[in-house]
């Protein structure tokens, strides 16, 4: 029988663990989002100058007005 060293296993959330498994970190949250869908990048909506999409587990919402000059 083969055994796996516990240092090779990462889980989230785990209450009494070490190495960041019990913390709500950026990597843990984006990992949840990536695990829910079968694509890493996808568009949620895009209409009326409002765009929502996910890139590698990060959610973005852009509200664009043609007259704005924020650059």
N, C-alpha and C. Protein backbone atom coordinates (compact mmCIF):
# COMPACT_ATOMS: atom_id res chain seq x y z
N UNK A 1 0.84 -1.17 0.00
CA UNK A 1 0.00 0.00 0.00
C UNK A 1 0.89 1.24 0.00
N UNK A 2 0.53 2.23 -0.80
CA UNK A 2 1.29 3.47 -0.88
C UNK A 2 0.70 4.51 0.06
N UNK A 3 1.56 5.37 0.59
CA UNK A 3 1.13 6.42 1.48
C UNK A 3 1.52 7.77 0.90
N UNK A 4 0.73 8.79 1.22
CA UNK A 4 1.00 10.16 0.79
C UNK A 4 1.36 10.95 2.03
N UNK A 5 2.42 11.70 1.94
CA UNK A 5 2.84 12.55 3.04
C UNK A 5 1.84 13.68 3.21
N UNK A 6 1.47 14.02 4.44
CA UNK A 6 0.47 15.06 4.67
C UNK A 6 0.91 16.43 4.14
N UNK A 7 2.20 16.65 3.97
CA UNK A 7 2.67 17.92 3.42
C UNK A 7 2.36 18.04 1.92
N UNK A 8 1.98 16.93 1.29
CA UNK A 8 1.63 16.95 -0.13
C UNK A 8 0.15 17.18 -0.36
N UNK A 9 -0.64 17.28 0.70
CA UNK A 9 -2.08 17.44 0.59
C UNK A 9 -2.47 18.84 1.04
N UNK A 10 -3.25 19.52 0.21
CA UNK A 10 -3.78 20.84 0.56
C UNK A 10 -5.29 20.77 0.50
N UNK A 11 -5.94 21.32 1.52
CA UNK A 11 -7.40 21.33 1.59
C UNK A 11 -7.84 22.68 2.12
N UNK A 12 -9.05 23.08 1.77
CA UNK A 12 -9.62 24.33 2.26
C UNK A 12 -11.12 24.20 2.31
N UNK A 13 -11.79 24.59 3.35
CA UNK A 13 -11.28 25.05 4.64
C UNK A 13 -10.98 23.89 5.58
N UNK A 14 -9.98 24.05 6.38
CA UNK A 14 -9.60 23.08 7.40
C UNK A 14 -9.28 23.87 8.67
N UNK A 15 -10.04 23.65 9.73
CA UNK A 15 -9.95 24.49 10.92
C UNK A 15 -8.63 24.35 11.68
N UNK A 16 -8.12 23.17 11.86
CA UNK A 16 -6.94 22.97 12.70
C UNK A 16 -5.70 22.63 11.89
N UNK A 17 -5.57 23.21 10.75
CA UNK A 17 -4.46 22.91 9.87
C UNK A 17 -3.40 24.02 9.93
N UNK A 18 -2.30 23.76 9.28
CA UNK A 18 -1.24 24.76 9.14
C UNK A 18 -1.07 25.05 7.65
N UNK A 19 -0.20 25.95 7.33
CA UNK A 19 0.16 26.28 5.93
C UNK A 19 -0.99 26.91 5.15
N UNK A 20 -1.82 27.72 5.80
CA UNK A 20 -2.81 28.50 5.08
C UNK A 20 -4.11 27.82 4.73
N UNK A 21 -4.31 26.58 5.11
CA UNK A 21 -5.53 25.89 4.74
C UNK A 21 -6.75 26.37 5.51
N UNK A 22 -6.55 27.02 6.64
CA UNK A 22 -7.69 27.50 7.41
C UNK A 22 -7.99 28.97 7.16
N UNK A 23 -7.20 29.63 6.33
CA UNK A 23 -7.38 31.05 6.10
C UNK A 23 -8.10 31.31 4.78
N UNK A 24 -8.92 32.35 4.77
CA UNK A 24 -9.59 32.76 3.55
C UNK A 24 -8.61 33.63 2.77
N UNK A 25 -7.86 32.99 1.90
CA UNK A 25 -6.84 33.70 1.14
C UNK A 25 -7.32 33.92 -0.29
N UNK A 26 -6.61 34.77 -0.98
CA UNK A 26 -6.92 35.05 -2.38
C UNK A 26 -6.85 33.77 -3.22
N UNK A 27 -5.83 32.98 -3.00
CA UNK A 27 -5.67 31.75 -3.77
C UNK A 27 -6.79 30.75 -3.46
N UNK A 28 -7.20 30.65 -2.21
CA UNK A 28 -8.27 29.73 -1.85
C UNK A 28 -9.61 30.15 -2.46
N UNK A 29 -9.91 31.43 -2.46
CA UNK A 29 -11.18 31.91 -3.02
C UNK A 29 -11.21 31.73 -4.53
N UNK A 30 -10.14 32.12 -5.22
CA UNK A 30 -10.14 31.96 -6.68
C UNK A 30 -10.14 30.48 -7.05
N UNK A 31 -9.56 29.65 -6.22
CA UNK A 31 -9.59 28.20 -6.46
C UNK A 31 -11.00 27.65 -6.39
N UNK A 32 -11.81 28.17 -5.48
CA UNK A 32 -13.21 27.75 -5.39
C UNK A 32 -13.94 28.11 -6.68
N UNK A 33 -13.75 29.32 -7.14
CA UNK A 33 -14.43 29.76 -8.37
C UNK A 33 -13.99 28.91 -9.56
N UNK A 34 -12.69 28.62 -9.66
CA UNK A 34 -12.20 27.80 -10.78
C UNK A 34 -12.72 26.37 -10.70
N UNK A 35 -12.98 25.87 -9.50
CA UNK A 35 -13.44 24.49 -9.34
C UNK A 35 -14.91 24.32 -9.70
N UNK A 36 -15.68 25.38 -9.64
CA UNK A 36 -17.12 25.29 -9.87
C UNK A 36 -17.46 25.13 -11.35
N UNK A 37 -16.68 25.72 -12.22
CA UNK A 37 -16.97 25.69 -13.65
C UNK A 37 -15.85 24.96 -14.39
N UNK A 38 -16.14 24.56 -15.61
CA UNK A 38 -15.16 23.82 -16.39
C UNK A 38 -14.29 24.72 -17.27
N UNK A 39 -14.40 26.02 -17.10
CA UNK A 39 -13.58 26.97 -17.85
C UNK A 39 -12.88 27.91 -16.89
N UNK A 40 -11.70 28.34 -17.26
CA UNK A 40 -10.95 29.24 -16.41
C UNK A 40 -11.36 30.70 -16.62
N UNK A 41 -11.78 31.03 -17.83
CA UNK A 41 -12.19 32.38 -18.18
C UNK A 41 -13.55 32.31 -18.84
N UNK A 42 -14.47 33.20 -18.42
CA UNK A 42 -15.79 33.21 -19.05
C UNK A 42 -16.47 34.55 -18.84
N UNK A 43 -17.42 34.83 -19.73
CA UNK A 43 -18.19 36.07 -19.67
C UNK A 43 -19.51 35.78 -18.98
N UNK A 44 -19.87 36.61 -18.01
CA UNK A 44 -21.15 36.47 -17.33
C UNK A 44 -22.21 37.26 -18.08
N UNK A 45 -21.94 38.52 -18.37
CA UNK A 45 -22.88 39.34 -19.14
C UNK A 45 -22.13 40.48 -19.80
N UNK A 46 -22.75 41.04 -20.81
CA UNK A 46 -22.18 42.18 -21.51
C UNK A 46 -23.26 42.90 -22.28
N UNK A 47 -23.89 43.87 -21.64
CA UNK A 47 -24.95 44.63 -22.29
C UNK A 47 -25.04 46.01 -21.64
N UNK A 48 -25.51 46.98 -22.41
CA UNK A 48 -25.75 48.34 -21.91
C UNK A 48 -24.50 48.93 -21.24
N UNK A 49 -23.35 48.75 -21.88
CA UNK A 49 -22.08 49.30 -21.38
C UNK A 49 -21.68 48.77 -20.01
N UNK A 50 -22.17 47.60 -19.64
CA UNK A 50 -21.81 46.97 -18.37
C UNK A 50 -21.36 45.54 -18.68
N UNK A 51 -20.15 45.21 -18.25
CA UNK A 51 -19.56 43.92 -18.58
C UNK A 51 -19.12 43.20 -17.31
N UNK A 52 -19.48 41.92 -17.20
CA UNK A 52 -19.07 41.10 -16.08
C UNK A 52 -18.40 39.84 -16.64
N UNK A 53 -17.22 39.51 -16.09
CA UNK A 53 -16.52 38.33 -16.57
C UNK A 53 -15.57 37.82 -15.50
N UNK A 54 -15.09 36.60 -15.69
CA UNK A 54 -14.16 35.97 -14.75
C UNK A 54 -12.91 35.58 -15.52
N UNK A 55 -11.74 35.97 -14.99
CA UNK A 55 -10.45 35.61 -15.56
C UNK A 55 -9.66 34.87 -14.48
N UNK A 56 -9.39 33.62 -14.71
CA UNK A 56 -8.61 32.78 -13.80
C UNK A 56 -9.13 32.86 -12.36
N UNK A 57 -10.46 32.85 -12.22
CA UNK A 57 -11.06 32.87 -10.89
C UNK A 57 -11.30 34.24 -10.31
N UNK A 58 -10.86 35.30 -10.99
CA UNK A 58 -11.07 36.66 -10.51
C UNK A 58 -12.27 37.27 -11.22
N UNK A 59 -13.20 37.80 -10.46
CA UNK A 59 -14.42 38.42 -10.99
C UNK A 59 -14.16 39.89 -11.30
N UNK A 60 -14.62 40.33 -12.47
CA UNK A 60 -14.50 41.73 -12.87
C UNK A 60 -15.86 42.25 -13.31
N UNK A 61 -16.13 43.51 -12.99
CA UNK A 61 -17.31 44.20 -13.50
C UNK A 61 -16.85 45.57 -13.97
N UNK A 62 -17.14 45.87 -15.23
CA UNK A 62 -16.74 47.15 -15.82
C UNK A 62 -17.99 47.86 -16.28
N UNK A 63 -18.14 49.09 -15.84
CA UNK A 63 -19.23 49.94 -16.31
C UNK A 63 -18.58 51.05 -17.12
N UNK A 64 -18.86 51.04 -18.40
CA UNK A 64 -18.19 51.93 -19.34
C UNK A 64 -19.17 52.98 -19.85
N UNK A 65 -18.77 54.23 -19.75
CA UNK A 65 -19.56 55.30 -20.37
C UNK A 65 -18.67 55.97 -21.42
N UNK A 66 -19.22 56.14 -22.60
CA UNK A 66 -18.44 56.64 -23.73
C UNK A 66 -17.87 58.03 -23.48
N UNK A 67 -18.49 58.83 -22.63
CA UNK A 67 -18.03 60.19 -22.39
C UNK A 67 -17.00 60.33 -21.29
N UNK A 68 -16.67 59.24 -20.62
CA UNK A 68 -15.72 59.35 -19.50
C UNK A 68 -14.28 59.40 -19.99
N UNK A 69 -13.45 60.11 -19.25
CA UNK A 69 -12.03 60.19 -19.59
C UNK A 69 -11.22 60.02 -18.30
N UNK A 70 -11.19 58.82 -17.78
CA UNK A 70 -10.49 58.54 -16.53
C UNK A 70 -9.03 58.18 -16.74
N UNK A 71 -8.51 58.31 -17.93
CA UNK A 71 -7.13 57.92 -18.21
C UNK A 71 -6.18 59.05 -17.90
